[in-house]
Amino acid sequence: MDEVIILDETGINRALTRIAHEILETNKGVAGLALVGIRRGGDRLAAILERKICDIEGETVPLGAIDITMYRDDIGTRTDLKVGKTDIRFPVTGKKVILVDDVLFTGRSVRAAMDAVIDLGRPQSIQLAILIDRGHRELPIRPDYVGRNLPTAREEDVRVEFDAGEQPQCVRLIKNR
């Protein structure tokens, strides 16, 4: 098994700063925005994006985290899934929700997250911010904001590694042989 670091901490920080600026430019500021991170990676990145947006605009945006376990289309075939906690303390109805995740692969997690958000209300729009887009989509889902496109083989794995303080340290490509 070979491993390659694709992005280091500095590269991740640059990508997230760029994504924060793109979100603000596309949405003409923070009015009506809300960030929702998909649990176990996206929630940590959403918190970083929220801080960056606040630093740029001087205003906070609502921040939440969503657990998609019960919305997965493979829930009946997997025994290793643990139900986490959704923590969204604001109404999503009428908001421009920015879904945030670490790695986009088949699109199935994003579909589950969209279903979960829509169960909470009717957002004005749902946009997608991804740190790493590795391709191989099985559903017609395309991110609005991408930190890095990384074409991979299906058998490879991409992991965003975080330190104990929830800060991303690196993005690692694992080539399984």
N, C-alpha and C. Protein backbone atom coordinates (compact mmCIF):
# COMPACT_ATOMS: atom_id res chain seq x y z
N MET A 1 0.85 -1.18 0.00
CA MET A 1 0.00 0.00 0.00
C MET A 1 0.90 1.24 0.00
N ASP A 2 0.76 2.08 -1.01
CA ASP A 2 1.50 3.33 -1.11
C ASP A 2 0.61 4.48 -0.67
N GLU A 3 1.22 5.48 -0.02
CA GLU A 3 0.48 6.66 0.42
C GLU A 3 1.21 7.90 -0.06
N VAL A 4 0.43 8.88 -0.51
CA VAL A 4 0.98 10.14 -0.99
C VAL A 4 0.18 11.26 -0.35
N ILE A 5 0.86 12.26 0.17
CA ILE A 5 0.17 13.44 0.69
C ILE A 5 -0.12 14.37 -0.48
N ILE A 6 -1.40 14.64 -0.69
CA ILE A 6 -1.86 15.46 -1.81
C ILE A 6 -1.89 16.93 -1.42
N LEU A 7 -2.37 17.23 -0.23
CA LEU A 7 -2.39 18.60 0.28
C LEU A 7 -1.89 18.57 1.71
N ASP A 8 -1.03 19.53 2.04
CA ASP A 8 -0.61 19.68 3.43
C ASP A 8 -1.51 20.71 4.10
N GLU A 9 -1.22 21.03 5.35
CA GLU A 9 -2.04 21.96 6.11
C GLU A 9 -2.14 23.32 5.43
N THR A 10 -1.04 23.81 4.88
CA THR A 10 -1.03 25.10 4.19
C THR A 10 -1.90 25.05 2.93
N GLY A 11 -1.79 23.98 2.17
CA GLY A 11 -2.60 23.83 0.97
C GLY A 11 -4.09 23.74 1.27
N ILE A 12 -4.43 23.03 2.34
CA ILE A 12 -5.84 22.94 2.75
C ILE A 12 -6.35 24.32 3.14
N ASN A 13 -5.55 25.06 3.91
CA ASN A 13 -5.95 26.40 4.34
C ASN A 13 -6.17 27.32 3.15
N ARG A 14 -5.29 27.26 2.16
CA ARG A 14 -5.46 28.07 0.95
C ARG A 14 -6.75 27.71 0.22
N ALA A 15 -7.00 26.41 0.09
CA ALA A 15 -8.20 25.95 -0.62
C ALA A 15 -9.46 26.42 0.10
N LEU A 16 -9.49 26.31 1.42
CA LEU A 16 -10.67 26.73 2.18
C LEU A 16 -10.86 28.24 2.14
N THR A 17 -9.77 28.99 2.14
CA THR A 17 -9.87 30.46 2.02
C THR A 17 -10.47 30.83 0.67
N ARG A 18 -10.00 30.16 -0.39
CA ARG A 18 -10.54 30.41 -1.74
C ARG A 18 -12.02 30.06 -1.80
N ILE A 19 -12.40 28.91 -1.23
CA ILE A 19 -13.81 28.50 -1.23
C ILE A 19 -14.65 29.53 -0.48
N ALA A 20 -14.17 30.04 0.65
CA ALA A 20 -14.92 31.05 1.41
C ALA A 20 -15.16 32.29 0.55
N HIS A 21 -14.13 32.75 -0.16
CA HIS A 21 -14.29 33.92 -1.04
C HIS A 21 -15.26 33.63 -2.18
N GLU A 22 -15.19 32.44 -2.76
CA GLU A 22 -16.10 32.08 -3.85
C GLU A 22 -17.55 32.02 -3.37
N ILE A 23 -17.77 31.48 -2.18
CA ILE A 23 -19.13 31.44 -1.61
C ILE A 23 -19.67 32.86 -1.47
N LEU A 24 -18.86 33.76 -0.93
CA LEU A 24 -19.30 35.14 -0.72
C LEU A 24 -19.54 35.86 -2.05
N GLU A 25 -18.67 35.62 -3.01
CA GLU A 25 -18.84 36.25 -4.32
C GLU A 25 -20.10 35.76 -5.02
N THR A 26 -20.30 34.45 -5.03
CA THR A 26 -21.48 33.87 -5.70
C THR A 26 -22.77 34.35 -5.05
N ASN A 27 -22.78 34.43 -3.73
CA ASN A 27 -24.00 34.76 -2.99
C ASN A 27 -24.10 36.24 -2.63
N LYS A 28 -23.15 37.05 -3.10
CA LYS A 28 -23.14 38.50 -2.87
C LYS A 28 -23.20 38.83 -1.37
N GLY A 29 -22.37 38.14 -0.60
CA GLY A 29 -22.30 38.39 0.84
C GLY A 29 -22.91 37.26 1.65
N VAL A 30 -23.23 37.56 2.91
CA VAL A 30 -23.69 36.52 3.83
C VAL A 30 -25.20 36.48 4.03
N ALA A 31 -25.92 37.43 3.46
CA ALA A 31 -27.37 37.49 3.67
C ALA A 31 -28.04 36.18 3.24
N GLY A 32 -28.74 35.56 4.17
CA GLY A 32 -29.49 34.35 3.89
C GLY A 32 -28.67 33.08 3.83
N LEU A 33 -27.36 33.17 4.05
CA LEU A 33 -26.50 31.98 4.00
C LEU A 33 -26.57 31.16 5.28
N ALA A 34 -26.36 29.86 5.15
CA ALA A 34 -26.18 28.96 6.29
C ALA A 34 -25.24 27.85 5.83
N LEU A 35 -24.34 27.45 6.70
CA LEU A 35 -23.41 26.36 6.41
C LEU A 35 -23.85 25.12 7.17
N VAL A 36 -23.89 23.98 6.47
CA VAL A 36 -24.24 22.70 7.09
C VAL A 36 -23.19 21.68 6.68
N GLY A 37 -22.44 21.21 7.66
CA GLY A 37 -21.41 20.22 7.39
C GLY A 37 -21.94 18.81 7.55
N ILE A 38 -21.52 17.94 6.65
CA ILE A 38 -21.89 16.53 6.75
C ILE A 38 -20.96 15.88 7.76
N ARG A 39 -21.55 15.23 8.76
CA ARG A 39 -20.79 14.66 9.88
C ARG A 39 -19.61 13.80 9.45
N ARG A 40 -18.56 13.89 10.27
CA ARG A 40 -17.33 13.11 10.20
C ARG A 40 -16.34 13.64 9.18
N GLY A 41 -16.32 14.90 8.97
CA GLY A 41 -15.36 15.54 8.06
C GLY A 41 -15.89 16.88 7.59
N GLY A 42 -17.04 16.84 6.96
CA GLY A 42 -17.63 18.08 6.46
C GLY A 42 -18.02 19.04 7.56
N ASP A 43 -18.42 18.54 8.72
CA ASP A 43 -18.80 19.42 9.82
C ASP A 43 -17.59 20.21 10.32
N ARG A 44 -16.44 19.56 10.37
CA ARG A 44 -15.22 20.26 10.81
C ARG A 44 -14.80 21.31 9.79
N LEU A 45 -14.90 20.99 8.51
CA LEU A 45 -14.55 21.95 7.47
C LEU A 45 -15.55 23.11 7.43
N ALA A 46 -16.83 22.84 7.67
CA ALA A 46 -17.84 23.90 7.71
C ALA A 46 -17.53 24.90 8.81
N ALA A 47 -17.07 24.43 9.96
CA ALA A 47 -16.72 25.32 11.07
C ALA A 47 -15.55 26.23 10.68
N ILE A 48 -14.59 25.69 9.95
CA ILE A 48 -13.46 26.50 9.49
C ILE A 48 -13.93 27.53 8.46
N LEU A 49 -14.78 27.10 7.53
CA LEU A 49 -15.33 28.04 6.54
C LEU A 49 -16.12 29.15 7.21
N GLU A 50 -16.87 28.80 8.24
CA GLU A 50 -17.66 29.82 8.96
C GLU A 50 -16.74 30.87 9.56
N ARG A 51 -15.63 30.45 10.17
CA ARG A 51 -14.67 31.40 10.75
C ARG A 51 -14.04 32.26 9.66
N LYS A 52 -13.70 31.66 8.53
CA LYS A 52 -13.09 32.41 7.43
C LYS A 52 -14.08 33.44 6.87
N ILE A 53 -15.32 33.05 6.69
CA ILE A 53 -16.34 33.97 6.19
C ILE A 53 -16.55 35.11 7.17
N CYS A 54 -16.56 34.80 8.46
CA CYS A 54 -16.70 35.84 9.48
C CYS A 54 -15.51 36.80 9.45
N ASP A 55 -14.31 36.27 9.28
CA ASP A 55 -13.12 37.12 9.20
C ASP A 55 -13.18 38.06 7.99
N ILE A 56 -13.70 37.57 6.88
CA ILE A 56 -13.78 38.36 5.65
C ILE A 56 -14.88 39.40 5.73
N GLU A 57 -16.07 38.98 6.18
CA GLU A 57 -17.27 39.84 6.14
C GLU A 57 -17.56 40.55 7.47
N GLY A 58 -16.99 40.05 8.56
CA GLY A 58 -17.29 40.65 9.86
C GLY A 58 -18.64 40.24 10.41
N GLU A 59 -19.25 39.22 9.81
CA GLU A 59 -20.55 38.71 10.26
C GLU A 59 -20.50 37.20 10.32
N THR A 60 -21.21 36.65 11.29
CA THR A 60 -21.30 35.19 11.37
C THR A 60 -22.46 34.71 10.51
N VAL A 61 -22.39 33.45 10.11
CA VAL A 61 -23.50 32.81 9.42
C VAL A 61 -23.92 31.60 10.25
N PRO A 62 -25.17 31.23 10.20
CA PRO A 62 -25.60 30.04 10.94
C PRO A 62 -24.79 28.81 10.50
N LEU A 63 -24.43 27.99 11.48
CA LEU A 63 -23.61 26.82 11.24
C LEU A 63 -24.28 25.61 11.87
N GLY A 64 -24.37 24.53 11.11
CA GLY A 64 -24.96 23.30 11.62
C GLY A 64 -24.22 22.09 11.11
N ALA A 65 -24.57 20.95 11.67
CA ALA A 65 -23.99 19.68 11.24
C ALA A 65 -25.13 18.69 11.07
N ILE A 66 -25.00 17.86 10.05
CA ILE A 66 -26.07 16.91 9.75
C ILE A 66 -25.52 15.50 9.69
N ASP A 67 -26.24 14.58 10.33
CA ASP A 67 -25.89 13.16 10.26
C ASP A 67 -26.79 12.53 9.20
N ILE A 68 -26.17 11.79 8.29
CA ILE A 68 -26.92 11.24 7.16
C ILE A 68 -27.16 9.74 7.28
N THR A 69 -26.81 9.14 8.39
CA THR A 69 -26.87 7.69 8.53
C THR A 69 -28.22 7.12 8.12
N MET A 70 -29.29 7.66 8.61
CA MET A 70 -30.62 7.11 8.34
C MET A 70 -31.12 7.43 6.93
N TYR A 71 -30.39 8.25 6.20
CA TYR A 71 -30.77 8.61 4.83
C TYR A 71 -29.96 7.87 3.79
N ARG A 72 -29.01 7.06 4.23
CA ARG A 72 -28.14 6.34 3.29
C ARG A 72 -28.94 5.29 2.52
N ASP A 73 -28.58 5.08 1.26
CA ASP A 73 -29.30 4.08 0.47
C ASP A 73 -28.75 2.67 0.68
N ASP A 74 -27.69 2.55 1.49
CA ASP A 74 -27.14 1.22 1.79
C ASP A 74 -27.33 0.84 3.25
N ILE A 75 -28.21 1.53 3.95
CA ILE A 75 -28.37 1.29 5.39
C ILE A 75 -28.78 -0.15 5.71
N GLY A 76 -29.54 -0.77 4.84
CA GLY A 76 -29.98 -2.15 5.08
C GLY A 76 -28.90 -3.19 4.85
N THR A 77 -27.83 -2.81 4.18
CA THR A 77 -26.77 -3.77 3.88
C THR A 77 -25.53 -3.59 4.74
N ARG A 78 -25.50 -2.55 5.58
CA ARG A 78 -24.31 -2.26 6.39
C ARG A 78 -24.63 -2.43 7.87
N THR A 79 -23.75 -3.11 8.57
CA THR A 79 -23.94 -3.29 10.01
C THR A 79 -22.99 -2.42 10.81
N ASP A 80 -22.07 -1.73 10.15
CA ASP A 80 -21.06 -0.94 10.83
C ASP A 80 -21.43 0.53 10.99
N LEU A 81 -22.65 0.91 10.64
CA LEU A 81 -23.05 2.31 10.69
C LEU A 81 -23.55 2.70 12.08
N LYS A 82 -23.06 3.83 12.56
CA LYS A 82 -23.51 4.37 13.85
C LYS A 82 -24.26 5.65 13.59
N VAL A 83 -25.42 5.78 14.20
CA VAL A 83 -26.22 6.98 14.04
C VAL A 83 -25.60 8.09 14.88
N GLY A 84 -25.34 9.22 14.24
CA GLY A 84 -24.77 10.37 14.92
C GLY A 84 -25.85 11.40 15.21
N LYS A 85 -25.43 12.61 15.48
CA LYS A 85 -26.36 13.65 15.88
C LYS A 85 -26.41 14.76 14.83
N THR A 86 -27.61 15.14 14.47
CA THR A 86 -27.81 16.33 13.64
C THR A 86 -27.96 17.50 14.58
N ASP A 87 -27.25 18.57 14.30
CA ASP A 87 -27.27 19.76 15.15
C ASP A 87 -27.47 20.99 14.27
N ILE A 88 -28.72 21.29 13.99
CA ILE A 88 -29.06 22.47 13.20
C ILE A 88 -30.05 23.27 14.03
N ARG A 89 -29.59 24.39 14.53
CA ARG A 89 -30.39 25.19 15.47
C ARG A 89 -30.98 26.44 14.82
N PHE A 90 -31.24 26.36 13.55
CA PHE A 90 -31.82 27.48 12.82
C PHE A 90 -32.77 26.89 11.78
N PRO A 91 -33.78 27.66 11.36
CA PRO A 91 -34.66 27.16 10.31
C PRO A 91 -33.94 27.19 8.96
N VAL A 92 -34.03 26.11 8.21
CA VAL A 92 -33.41 26.07 6.89
C VAL A 92 -34.31 26.66 5.82
N THR A 93 -35.59 26.78 6.11
CA THR A 93 -36.53 27.32 5.14
C THR A 93 -36.11 28.73 4.72
N GLY A 94 -36.01 28.92 3.41
CA GLY A 94 -35.65 30.22 2.87
C GLY A 94 -34.16 30.52 2.85
N LYS A 95 -33.35 29.66 3.42
CA LYS A 95 -31.90 29.89 3.48
C LYS A 95 -31.20 29.36 2.22
N LYS A 96 -30.06 29.96 1.92
CA LYS A 96 -29.16 29.42 0.91
C LYS A 96 -28.20 28.52 1.70
N VAL A 97 -28.48 27.24 1.69
CA VAL A 97 -27.71 26.28 2.48
C VAL A 97 -26.49 25.84 1.68
N ILE A 98 -25.34 25.98 2.29
CA ILE A 98 -24.10 25.47 1.71
C ILE A 98 -23.78 24.17 2.42
N LEU A 99 -23.96 23.05 1.74
CA LEU A 99 -23.56 21.74 2.28
C LEU A 99 -22.05 21.63 2.13
N VAL A 100 -21.38 21.15 3.17
CA VAL A 100 -19.92 21.05 3.15
C VAL A 100 -19.53 19.60 3.45
N ASP A 101 -18.63 19.06 2.64
CA ASP A 101 -18.09 17.73 2.90
C ASP A 101 -16.61 17.72 2.53
N ASP A 102 -15.92 16.71 3.03
CA ASP A 102 -14.48 16.65 2.80
C ASP A 102 -14.14 16.06 1.43
N VAL A 103 -14.69 14.89 1.10
CA VAL A 103 -14.36 14.21 -0.15
C VAL A 103 -15.65 13.84 -0.88
N LEU A 104 -15.73 14.20 -2.15
CA LEU A 104 -16.87 13.81 -2.99
C LEU A 104 -16.43 12.67 -3.89
N PHE A 105 -17.18 11.58 -3.84
CA PHE A 105 -16.85 10.38 -4.62
C PHE A 105 -18.04 10.03 -5.50
N THR A 106 -18.92 9.16 -5.05
CA THR A 106 -20.05 8.72 -5.87
C THR A 106 -21.21 9.71 -5.88
N GLY A 107 -21.31 10.54 -4.86
CA GLY A 107 -22.41 11.49 -4.74
C GLY A 107 -23.53 10.99 -3.84
N ARG A 108 -23.44 9.76 -3.38
CA ARG A 108 -24.52 9.18 -2.57
C ARG A 108 -24.64 9.84 -1.19
N SER A 109 -23.53 10.22 -0.58
CA SER A 109 -23.60 10.91 0.71
C SER A 109 -24.24 12.29 0.56
N VAL A 110 -23.92 12.96 -0.52
CA VAL A 110 -24.51 14.28 -0.77
C VAL A 110 -26.02 14.15 -1.00
N ARG A 111 -26.44 13.14 -1.75
CA ARG A 111 -27.87 12.92 -1.96
C ARG A 111 -28.57 12.70 -0.62
N ALA A 112 -27.95 11.90 0.24
CA ALA A 112 -28.53 11.64 1.56
C ALA A 112 -28.60 12.94 2.37
N ALA A 113 -27.57 13.75 2.29
CA ALA A 113 -27.55 15.02 3.03
C ALA A 113 -28.63 15.97 2.52
N MET A 114 -28.83 16.02 1.21
CA MET A 114 -29.88 16.88 0.67
C MET A 114 -31.25 16.42 1.17
N ASP A 115 -31.48 15.12 1.18
CA ASP A 115 -32.75 14.60 1.71
C ASP A 115 -32.93 14.99 3.17
N ALA A 116 -31.87 14.88 3.96
CA ALA A 116 -31.94 15.22 5.38
C ALA A 116 -32.24 16.70 5.58
N VAL A 117 -31.60 17.56 4.80
CA VAL A 117 -31.85 19.00 4.91
C VAL A 117 -33.29 19.32 4.53
N ILE A 118 -33.75 18.74 3.44
CA ILE A 118 -35.11 19.03 2.97
C ILE A 118 -36.16 18.53 3.97
N ASP A 119 -35.86 17.49 4.71
CA ASP A 119 -36.77 17.05 5.77
C ASP A 119 -36.92 18.09 6.87
N LEU A 120 -35.97 19.02 6.98
CA LEU A 120 -36.00 20.06 8.01
C LEU A 120 -36.71 21.33 7.54
N GLY A 121 -36.93 21.46 6.25
CA GLY A 121 -37.56 22.66 5.72
C GLY A 121 -37.29 22.79 4.24
N ARG A 122 -37.68 23.93 3.69
CA ARG A 122 -37.51 24.16 2.25
C ARG A 122 -36.53 25.31 2.03
N PRO A 123 -35.25 24.96 1.85
CA PRO A 123 -34.27 26.02 1.61
C PRO A 123 -34.49 26.71 0.27
N GLN A 124 -34.04 27.95 0.19
CA GLN A 124 -34.09 28.68 -1.08
C GLN A 124 -33.24 27.95 -2.11
N SER A 125 -32.06 27.48 -1.67
CA SER A 125 -31.18 26.71 -2.55
C SER A 125 -30.25 25.87 -1.68
N ILE A 126 -29.68 24.85 -2.30
CA ILE A 126 -28.64 24.05 -1.66
C ILE A 126 -27.44 24.07 -2.61
N GLN A 127 -26.31 24.52 -2.08
CA GLN A 127 -25.06 24.54 -2.83
C GLN A 127 -24.10 23.57 -2.15
N LEU A 128 -23.10 23.13 -2.88
CA LEU A 128 -22.19 22.12 -2.37
C LEU A 128 -20.74 22.59 -2.42
N ALA A 129 -20.08 22.56 -1.25
CA ALA A 129 -18.66 22.90 -1.13
C ALA A 129 -17.91 21.65 -0.72
N ILE A 130 -16.88 21.31 -1.47
CA ILE A 130 -16.12 20.08 -1.28
C ILE A 130 -14.64 20.41 -1.24
N LEU A 131 -13.90 19.80 -0.31
CA LEU A 131 -12.46 20.00 -0.31
C LEU A 131 -11.81 19.22 -1.45
N ILE A 132 -12.16 17.93 -1.61
CA ILE A 132 -11.57 17.10 -2.65
C ILE A 132 -12.67 16.44 -3.48
N ASP A 133 -12.60 16.64 -4.80
CA ASP A 133 -13.52 15.97 -5.72
C ASP A 133 -12.71 14.92 -6.46
N ARG A 134 -13.01 13.65 -6.19
CA ARG A 134 -12.22 12.57 -6.80
C ARG A 134 -12.90 11.89 -7.98
N GLY A 135 -14.07 12.39 -8.39
CA GLY A 135 -14.74 11.81 -9.55
C GLY A 135 -15.52 10.56 -9.21
N HIS A 136 -15.82 9.76 -10.20
CA HIS A 136 -16.53 8.48 -10.08
C HIS A 136 -18.00 8.63 -9.64
N ARG A 137 -18.66 9.67 -10.09
CA ARG A 137 -20.04 9.92 -9.69
C ARG A 137 -20.97 8.82 -10.17
N GLU A 138 -21.89 8.42 -9.31
CA GLU A 138 -22.96 7.48 -9.64
C GLU A 138 -24.30 8.19 -9.73
N LEU A 139 -24.34 9.43 -9.29
CA LEU A 139 -25.54 10.26 -9.32
C LEU A 139 -25.19 11.60 -9.96
N PRO A 140 -26.17 12.28 -10.54
CA PRO A 140 -25.88 13.55 -11.22
C PRO A 140 -25.70 14.70 -10.22
N ILE A 141 -24.60 14.66 -9.49
CA ILE A 141 -24.31 15.66 -8.46
C ILE A 141 -22.97 16.31 -8.82
N ARG A 142 -22.96 17.65 -8.78
CA ARG A 142 -21.77 18.41 -9.12
C ARG A 142 -21.55 19.48 -8.05
N PRO A 143 -20.32 19.59 -7.53
CA PRO A 143 -20.07 20.61 -6.51
C PRO A 143 -20.03 22.02 -7.10
N ASP A 144 -20.44 22.99 -6.30
CA ASP A 144 -20.37 24.39 -6.68
C ASP A 144 -19.01 24.99 -6.35
N TYR A 145 -18.38 24.47 -5.30
CA TYR A 145 -17.09 24.97 -4.82
C TYR A 145 -16.19 23.77 -4.55
N VAL A 146 -14.99 23.78 -5.14
CA VAL A 146 -14.07 22.65 -5.02
C VAL A 146 -12.70 23.15 -4.61
N GLY A 147 -12.13 22.53 -3.58
CA GLY A 147 -10.77 22.86 -3.18
C GLY A 147 -9.76 22.31 -4.16
N ARG A 148 -9.95 21.05 -4.54
CA ARG A 148 -9.02 20.40 -5.47
C ARG A 148 -9.71 19.24 -6.16
N ASN A 149 -9.57 19.17 -7.48
CA ASN A 149 -10.00 18.00 -8.24
C ASN A 149 -8.85 17.00 -8.22
N LEU A 150 -9.17 15.77 -7.90
CA LEU A 150 -8.14 14.74 -7.79
C LEU A 150 -8.64 13.46 -8.44
N PRO A 151 -8.36 13.27 -9.73
CA PRO A 151 -8.78 12.03 -10.38
C PRO A 151 -8.11 10.84 -9.69
N THR A 152 -8.91 9.83 -9.39
CA THR A 152 -8.39 8.65 -8.69
C THR A 152 -8.91 7.39 -9.36
N ALA A 153 -8.29 6.28 -9.02
CA ALA A 153 -8.82 4.98 -9.40
C ALA A 153 -9.86 4.59 -8.36
N ARG A 154 -10.82 3.79 -8.74
CA ARG A 154 -11.88 3.38 -7.81
C ARG A 154 -11.34 2.70 -6.56
N GLU A 155 -10.27 1.91 -6.72
CA GLU A 155 -9.75 1.16 -5.57
C GLU A 155 -8.87 2.01 -4.65
N GLU A 156 -8.57 3.23 -5.05
CA GLU A 156 -7.79 4.12 -4.19
C GLU A 156 -8.71 4.76 -3.14
N ASP A 157 -8.11 5.28 -2.11
CA ASP A 157 -8.86 5.93 -1.04
C ASP A 157 -8.27 7.31 -0.81
N VAL A 158 -9.11 8.26 -0.47
CA VAL A 158 -8.67 9.62 -0.15
C VAL A 158 -9.16 9.94 1.24
N ARG A 159 -8.25 10.38 2.10
CA ARG A 159 -8.61 10.69 3.49
C ARG A 159 -8.13 12.08 3.87
N VAL A 160 -9.01 12.84 4.48
CA VAL A 160 -8.62 14.10 5.09
C VAL A 160 -8.36 13.80 6.55
N GLU A 161 -7.15 14.07 7.00
CA GLU A 161 -6.76 13.75 8.37
C GLU A 161 -6.78 15.01 9.21
N PHE A 162 -7.37 14.89 10.41
CA PHE A 162 -7.52 16.01 11.33
C PHE A 162 -6.69 15.75 12.59
N ASP A 163 -6.25 16.83 13.23
CA ASP A 163 -5.56 16.68 14.51
C ASP A 163 -6.60 16.65 15.63
N ALA A 164 -6.14 16.54 16.87
CA ALA A 164 -7.06 16.47 18.01
C ALA A 164 -7.88 17.74 18.18
N GLY A 165 -7.36 18.85 17.66
CA GLY A 165 -8.08 20.13 17.75
C GLY A 165 -9.03 20.37 16.60
N GLU A 166 -9.32 19.31 15.81
CA GLU A 166 -10.27 19.38 14.70
C GLU A 166 -9.74 20.17 13.51
N GLN A 167 -8.44 20.44 13.46
CA GLN A 167 -7.86 21.14 12.32
C GLN A 167 -7.36 20.13 11.29
N PRO A 168 -7.65 20.37 10.00
CA PRO A 168 -7.17 19.44 8.98
C PRO A 168 -5.65 19.53 8.85
N GLN A 169 -5.00 18.39 8.82
CA GLN A 169 -3.55 18.33 8.74
C GLN A 169 -3.06 18.01 7.34
N CYS A 170 -3.74 17.09 6.67
CA CYS A 170 -3.32 16.74 5.31
C CYS A 170 -4.43 15.97 4.62
N VAL A 171 -4.29 15.88 3.30
CA VAL A 171 -5.13 15.01 2.49
C VAL A 171 -4.21 13.94 1.95
N ARG A 172 -4.56 12.69 2.23
CA ARG A 172 -3.72 11.57 1.88
C ARG A 172 -4.41 10.68 0.83
N LEU A 173 -3.69 10.35 -0.23
CA LEU A 173 -4.15 9.41 -1.24
C LEU A 173 -3.52 8.06 -0.92
N ILE A 174 -4.35 7.05 -0.76
CA ILE A 174 -3.85 5.71 -0.43
C ILE A 174 -4.11 4.82 -1.63
N LYS A 175 -3.01 4.32 -2.17
CA LYS A 175 -3.08 3.45 -3.35
C LYS A 175 -3.02 2.02 -2.88
N ASN A 176 -4.15 1.34 -2.93
CA ASN A 176 -4.21 -0.07 -2.54
C ASN A 176 -3.73 -0.93 -3.70
N ARG A 177 -2.93 -1.91 -3.38
CA ARG A 177 -2.41 -2.79 -4.45
C ARG A 177 -3.11 -4.10 -4.45
